[in-house]
Amino acid sequence: MNKQIKFITTIGLLMALTIVFQVLSKIIPLGAFSNFITGSLVNMCLIISASVTGILGGSIIGILTPFIALLTGSPVPIVFIPLISLCNFSLILSFSLLKKRKIINIVVPAIIKTSLLYLSINIMISLMKFAPKKAKMLLYLFGWPQFITAIIGGIIATIVLNRLKNHLSLSL
């Protein structure tokens, strides 16, 4: 198969899977764990896409994911979308650069993404003067739960990639 066709097809399939995970959280009532389940599965898709298609393919999905979340009814303020895209890119880039370093390639990208996300959201909240209750909720959503979902997503992605390693000709 032509390399470009394989690349585009793989990105399309992984993007579709990511969208399915985002939509499922709206269809199936997951309660208080909704963000943890959906976030972990989306982060898993980001890391798998970075592993299978490289930084470019992972970045395409990582940048589009927050826009898709907005279209599927996510209550995140629209001004946060570019920040979330940038932080997804930081996860993909740092994971790709550390791909050969087991455990570190999950923990460090999770720390980077969470730190950037929390800091940038905190700055936006102070600039936009959100109501205290909403600001507190947003800081929670974009704080430590992001670290947990990035770690869980990285662990699941590693398991999936190890299972698929022989079928996808991956160099893990």
C-alpha atoms as a PDB file:
ATOM      1  CA  MET A   1       0.000   0.000   0.000  1.00  0.00           C
ATOM      2  CA  ASN A   2       1.208   3.517  -0.799  1.00  0.00           C
ATOM      3  CA  LYS A   3       2.832   5.140   2.283  1.00  0.00           C
ATOM      4  CA  GLN A   4       0.686   8.275   2.046  1.00  0.00           C
ATOM      5  CA  ILE A   5      -2.531   6.291   1.761  1.00  0.00           C
ATOM      6  CA  LYS A   6      -1.525   4.115   4.722  1.00  0.00           C
ATOM      7  CA  PHE A   7      -0.649   7.247   6.754  1.00  0.00           C
ATOM      8  CA  ILE A   8      -3.952   8.995   5.976  1.00  0.00           C
ATOM      9  CA  THR A   9      -5.969   5.826   6.553  1.00  0.00           C
ATOM     10  CA  THR A  10      -4.299   5.182   9.893  1.00  0.00           C
ATOM     11  CA  ILE A  11      -4.909   8.763  11.038  1.00  0.00           C
ATOM     12  CA  GLY A  12      -8.529   8.495   9.895  1.00  0.00           C
ATOM     13  CA  LEU A  13      -9.086   5.266  11.820  1.00  0.00           C
ATOM     14  CA  LEU A  14      -7.460   6.574  14.988  1.00  0.00           C
ATOM     15  CA  MET A  15      -9.373   9.853  14.741  1.00  0.00           C
ATOM     16  CA  ALA A  16     -12.608   7.904  14.305  1.00  0.00           C
ATOM     17  CA  LEU A  17     -11.790   5.808  17.372  1.00  0.00           C
ATOM     18  CA  THR A  18     -11.038   8.964  19.364  1.00  0.00           C
ATOM     19  CA  ILE A  19     -14.360  10.491  18.293  1.00  0.00           C
ATOM     20  CA  VAL A  20     -16.190   7.302  19.299  1.00  0.00           C
ATOM     21  CA  PHE A  21     -14.684   7.537  22.792  1.00  0.00           C
ATOM     22  CA  GLN A  22     -15.680  11.195  23.050  1.00  0.00           C
ATOM     23  CA  VAL A  23     -19.238  10.540  21.887  1.00  0.00           C
ATOM     24  CA  LEU A  24     -19.687   7.463  24.089  1.00  0.00           C
ATOM     25  CA  SER A  25     -19.203   9.605  27.163  1.00  0.00           C
ATOM     26  CA  LYS A  26     -22.232  11.633  26.086  1.00  0.00           C
ATOM     27  CA  ILE A  27     -24.378   8.587  25.285  1.00  0.00           C
ATOM     28  CA  ILE A  28     -23.489   6.283  28.187  1.00  0.00           C
ATOM     29  CA  PRO A  29     -23.945   7.893  31.616  1.00  0.00           C
ATOM     30  CA  LEU A  30     -20.573   7.374  33.261  1.00  0.00           C
ATOM     31  CA  GLY A  31     -21.247   9.677  36.179  1.00  0.00           C
ATOM     32  CA  ALA A  32     -18.388  11.137  38.175  1.00  0.00           C
ATOM     33  CA  PHE A  33     -15.852   8.969  36.351  1.00  0.00           C
ATOM     34  CA  SER A  34     -16.754  10.254  32.894  1.00  0.00           C
ATOM     35  CA  ASN A  35     -13.732  12.548  32.569  1.00  0.00           C
ATOM     36  CA  PHE A  36     -11.364   9.867  33.831  1.00  0.00           C
ATOM     37  CA  ILE A  37     -12.638   7.214  31.434  1.00  0.00           C
ATOM     38  CA  THR A  38     -12.966   9.445  28.370  1.00  0.00           C
ATOM     39  CA  GLY A  39      -9.748  11.353  29.078  1.00  0.00           C
ATOM     40  CA  SER A  40      -7.766   8.141  29.528  1.00  0.00           C
ATOM     41  CA  LEU A  41      -9.095   6.657  26.285  1.00  0.00           C
ATOM     42  CA  VAL A  42      -8.442   9.862  24.328  1.00  0.00           C
ATOM     43  CA  ASN A  43      -4.893  10.083  25.711  1.00  0.00           C
ATOM     44  CA  MET A  44      -4.433   6.433  24.771  1.00  0.00           C
ATOM     45  CA  CYS A  45      -5.420   7.287  21.191  1.00  0.00           C
ATOM     46  CA  LEU A  46      -3.016  10.239  21.141  1.00  0.00           C
ATOM     47  CA  ILE A  47      -0.102   8.091  22.243  1.00  0.00           C
ATOM     48  CA  ILE A  48      -0.981   5.247  19.889  1.00  0.00           C
ATOM     49  CA  SER A  49      -1.277   7.701  17.002  1.00  0.00           C
ATOM     50  CA  ALA A  50       2.128   9.198  17.844  1.00  0.00           C
ATOM     51  CA  SER A  51       3.638   5.701  17.976  1.00  0.00           C
ATOM     52  CA  VAL A  52       2.066   4.460  14.757  1.00  0.00           C
ATOM     53  CA  THR A  53       2.091   7.591  12.568  1.00  0.00           C
ATOM     54  CA  GLY A  54       4.787   9.711  14.210  1.00  0.00           C
ATOM     55  CA  ILE A  55       4.658  13.228  15.553  1.00  0.00           C
ATOM     56  CA  LEU A  56       2.776  14.590  12.531  1.00  0.00           C
ATOM     57  CA  GLY A  57      -0.048  12.043  12.667  1.00  0.00           C
ATOM     58  CA  GLY A  58      -0.312  12.235  16.446  1.00  0.00           C
ATOM     59  CA  SER A  59      -0.364  16.022  16.274  1.00  0.00           C
ATOM     60  CA  ILE A  60      -3.183  16.077  13.759  1.00  0.00           C
ATOM     61  CA  ILE A  61      -5.345  14.013  16.082  1.00  0.00           C
ATOM     62  CA  GLY A  62      -4.176  15.857  19.214  1.00  0.00           C
ATOM     63  CA  ILE A  63      -4.957  19.249  17.738  1.00  0.00           C
ATOM     64  CA  LEU A  64      -8.365  18.221  16.380  1.00  0.00           C
ATOM     65  CA  THR A  65      -9.532  16.348  19.483  1.00  0.00           C
ATOM     66  CA  PRO A  66     -10.572  19.425  21.549  1.00  0.00           C
ATOM     67  CA  PHE A  67     -12.510  20.822  18.587  1.00  0.00           C
ATOM     68  CA  ILE A  68     -14.341  17.499  18.250  1.00  0.00           C
ATOM     69  CA  ALA A  69     -15.063  17.553  21.995  1.00  0.00           C
ATOM     70  CA  LEU A  70     -16.603  20.986  21.562  1.00  0.00           C
ATOM     71  CA  LEU A  71     -18.759  19.696  18.696  1.00  0.00           C
ATOM     72  CA  THR A  72     -19.907  16.744  20.815  1.00  0.00           C
ATOM     73  CA  GLY A  73     -21.143  19.014  23.579  1.00  0.00           C
ATOM     74  CA  SER A  74     -18.185  19.440  25.906  1.00  0.00           C
ATOM     75  CA  PRO A  75     -18.849  22.352  28.282  1.00  0.00           C
ATOM     76  CA  VAL A  76     -15.271  23.641  27.956  1.00  0.00           C
ATOM     77  CA  PRO A  77     -15.105  27.348  27.103  1.00  0.00           C
ATOM     78  CA  ILE A  78     -14.168  27.800  23.444  1.00  0.00           C
ATOM     79  CA  VAL A  79     -11.172  29.991  24.315  1.00  0.00           C
ATOM     80  CA  PHE A  80      -9.567  26.962  26.012  1.00  0.00           C
ATOM     81  CA  ILE A  81      -9.650  24.834  22.850  1.00  0.00           C
ATOM     82  CA  PRO A  82      -6.350  26.096  21.351  1.00  0.00           C
ATOM     83  CA  LEU A  83      -4.674  25.670  24.756  1.00  0.00           C
ATOM     84  CA  ILE A  84      -5.878  22.085  25.031  1.00  0.00           C
ATOM     85  CA  SER A  85      -4.660  21.419  21.470  1.00  0.00           C
ATOM     86  CA  LEU A  86      -1.234  22.793  22.356  1.00  0.00           C
ATOM     87  CA  CYS A  87      -1.073  20.674  25.498  1.00  0.00           C
ATOM     88  CA  ASN A  88      -2.085  17.563  23.527  1.00  0.00           C
ATOM     89  CA  PHE A  89       0.769  18.389  21.163  1.00  0.00           C
ATOM     90  CA  SER A  90       3.146  18.615  24.148  1.00  0.00           C
ATOM     91  CA  LEU A  91       2.059  15.119  25.226  1.00  0.00           C
ATOM     92  CA  ILE A  92       2.611  13.727  21.728  1.00  0.00           C
ATOM     93  CA  LEU A  93       5.951  15.464  21.188  1.00  0.00           C
ATOM     94  CA  SER A  94       7.395  14.542  24.576  1.00  0.00           C
ATOM     95  CA  PHE A  95       6.169  10.951  24.265  1.00  0.00           C
ATOM     96  CA  SER A  96       7.708  10.668  20.784  1.00  0.00           C
ATOM     97  CA  LEU A  97      11.030  12.084  21.949  1.00  0.00           C
ATOM     98  CA  LEU A  98      11.120   9.692  24.915  1.00  0.00           C
ATOM     99  CA  LYS A  99       9.586   6.704  23.087  1.00  0.00           C
ATOM    100  CA  LYS A 100      12.488   4.350  23.797  1.00  0.00           C
ATOM    101  CA  ARG A 101      12.629   5.199  27.518  1.00  0.00           C
ATOM    102  CA  LYS A 102      10.132   2.933  29.238  1.00  0.00           C
ATOM    103  CA  ILE A 103       8.075   4.401  32.114  1.00  0.00           C
ATOM    104  CA  ILE A 104       9.705   7.825  31.624  1.00  0.00           C
ATOM    105  CA  ASN A 105       7.927   8.009  28.247  1.00  0.00           C
ATOM    106  CA  ILE A 106       4.601   7.923  30.107  1.00  0.00           C
ATOM    107  CA  VAL A 107       5.321   9.912  33.263  1.00  0.00           C
ATOM    108  CA  VAL A 108       7.261  12.871  31.828  1.00  0.00           C
ATOM    109  CA  PRO A 109       4.747  13.623  29.030  1.00  0.00           C
ATOM    110  CA  ALA A 110       1.914  13.415  31.598  1.00  0.00           C
ATOM    111  CA  ILE A 111       3.722  15.912  33.839  1.00  0.00           C
ATOM    112  CA  ILE A 112       4.434  18.252  30.932  1.00  0.00           C
ATOM    113  CA  LYS A 113       0.879  18.159  29.575  1.00  0.00           C
ATOM    114  CA  THR A 114      -0.714  18.615  32.999  1.00  0.00           C
ATOM    115  CA  SER A 115       1.619  21.422  34.016  1.00  0.00           C
ATOM    116  CA  LEU A 116       1.142  23.341  30.765  1.00  0.00           C
ATOM    117  CA  LEU A 117      -2.602  22.820  30.835  1.00  0.00           C
ATOM    118  CA  TYR A 118      -3.034  23.872  34.456  1.00  0.00           C
ATOM    119  CA  LEU A 119      -0.804  26.919  34.040  1.00  0.00           C
ATOM    120  CA  SER A 120      -2.409  28.103  30.793  1.00  0.00           C
ATOM    121  CA  ILE A 121      -5.962  27.543  32.050  1.00  0.00           C
ATOM    122  CA  ASN A 122      -5.109  29.339  35.294  1.00  0.00           C
ATOM    123  CA  ILE A 123      -3.825  32.336  33.304  1.00  0.00           C
ATOM    124  CA  MET A 124      -6.926  32.357  31.088  1.00  0.00           C
ATOM    125  CA  ILE A 125      -9.214  32.172  34.107  1.00  0.00           C
ATOM    126  CA  SER A 126      -7.531  35.152  35.713  1.00  0.00           C
ATOM    127  CA  LEU A 127      -7.616  37.145  32.462  1.00  0.00           C
ATOM    128  CA  MET A 128     -11.258  36.353  31.740  1.00  0.00           C
ATOM    129  CA  LYS A 129     -12.440  36.773  35.323  1.00  0.00           C
ATOM    130  CA  PHE A 130     -14.595  33.666  35.610  1.00  0.00           C
ATOM    131  CA  ALA A 131     -16.977  33.384  38.543  1.00  0.00           C
ATOM    132  CA  PRO A 132     -15.139  31.823  41.520  1.00  0.00           C
ATOM    133  CA  LYS A 133     -17.240  28.633  41.500  1.00  0.00           C
ATOM    134  CA  LYS A 134     -16.718  28.082  37.741  1.00  0.00           C
ATOM    135  CA  ALA A 135     -13.012  28.941  38.037  1.00  0.00           C
ATOM    136  CA  LYS A 136     -12.586  26.384  40.816  1.00  0.00           C
ATOM    137  CA  MET A 137     -14.351  23.706  38.768  1.00  0.00           C
ATOM    138  CA  LEU A 138     -12.242  24.449  35.666  1.00  0.00           C
ATOM    139  CA  LEU A 139      -8.994  24.398  37.646  1.00  0.00           C
ATOM    140  CA  TYR A 140      -9.996  21.034  39.077  1.00  0.00           C
ATOM    141  CA  LEU A 141     -10.871  19.590  35.654  1.00  0.00           C
ATOM    142  CA  PHE A 142      -7.586  20.794  34.168  1.00  0.00           C
ATOM    143  CA  GLY A 143      -5.466  19.932  37.182  1.00  0.00           C
ATOM    144  CA  TRP A 144      -4.464  16.587  38.665  1.00  0.00           C
ATOM    145  CA  PRO A 145      -7.190  14.588  36.840  1.00  0.00           C
ATOM    146  CA  GLN A 146      -5.344  15.402  33.594  1.00  0.00           C
ATOM    147  CA  PHE A 147      -2.209  13.796  35.021  1.00  0.00           C
ATOM    148  CA  ILE A 148      -4.128  10.669  36.008  1.00  0.00           C
ATOM    149  CA  THR A 149      -5.810  10.350  32.596  1.00  0.00           C
ATOM    150  CA  ALA A 150      -2.491  10.859  30.801  1.00  0.00           C
ATOM    151  CA  ILE A 151      -0.839   8.151  32.920  1.00  0.00           C
ATOM    152  CA  ILE A 152      -3.722   5.702  32.469  1.00  0.00           C
ATOM    153  CA  GLY A 153      -3.878   6.480  28.735  1.00  0.00           C
ATOM    154  CA  GLY A 154      -0.126   5.905  28.452  1.00  0.00           C
ATOM    155  CA  ILE A 155      -0.328   2.565  30.253  1.00  0.00           C
ATOM    156  CA  ILE A 156      -3.239   1.342  28.120  1.00  0.00           C
ATOM    157  CA  ALA A 157      -1.503   2.575  24.946  1.00  0.00           C
ATOM    158  CA  THR A 158       1.679   0.718  25.895  1.00  0.00           C
ATOM    159  CA  ILE A 159      -0.266  -2.504  26.457  1.00  0.00           C
ATOM    160  CA  VAL A 160      -2.135  -2.134  23.148  1.00  0.00           C
ATOM    161  CA  LEU A 161       1.026  -1.239  21.227  1.00  0.00           C
ATOM    162  CA  ASN A 162       2.916  -4.195  22.690  1.00  0.00           C
ATOM    163  CA  ARG A 163       0.084  -6.506  21.619  1.00  0.00           C
ATOM    164  CA  LEU A 164       0.086  -5.006  18.104  1.00  0.00           C
ATOM    165  CA  LYS A 165       3.862  -4.653  17.772  1.00  0.00           C
ATOM    166  CA  ASN A 166       4.322  -7.622  15.444  1.00  0.00           C
ATOM    167  CA  HIS A 167       1.327  -6.700  13.281  1.00  0.00           C
ATOM    168  CA  LEU A 168       2.204  -3.043  12.809  1.00  0.00           C
ATOM    169  CA  SER A 169       5.987  -3.329  12.440  1.00  0.00           C
ATOM    170  CA  LEU A 170       6.499  -0.877  15.285  1.00  0.00           C
ATOM    171  CA  SER A 171       9.882  -0.136  16.783  1.00  0.00           C
ATOM    172  CA  LEU A 172       8.930   0.136  20.472  1.00  0.00           C
END
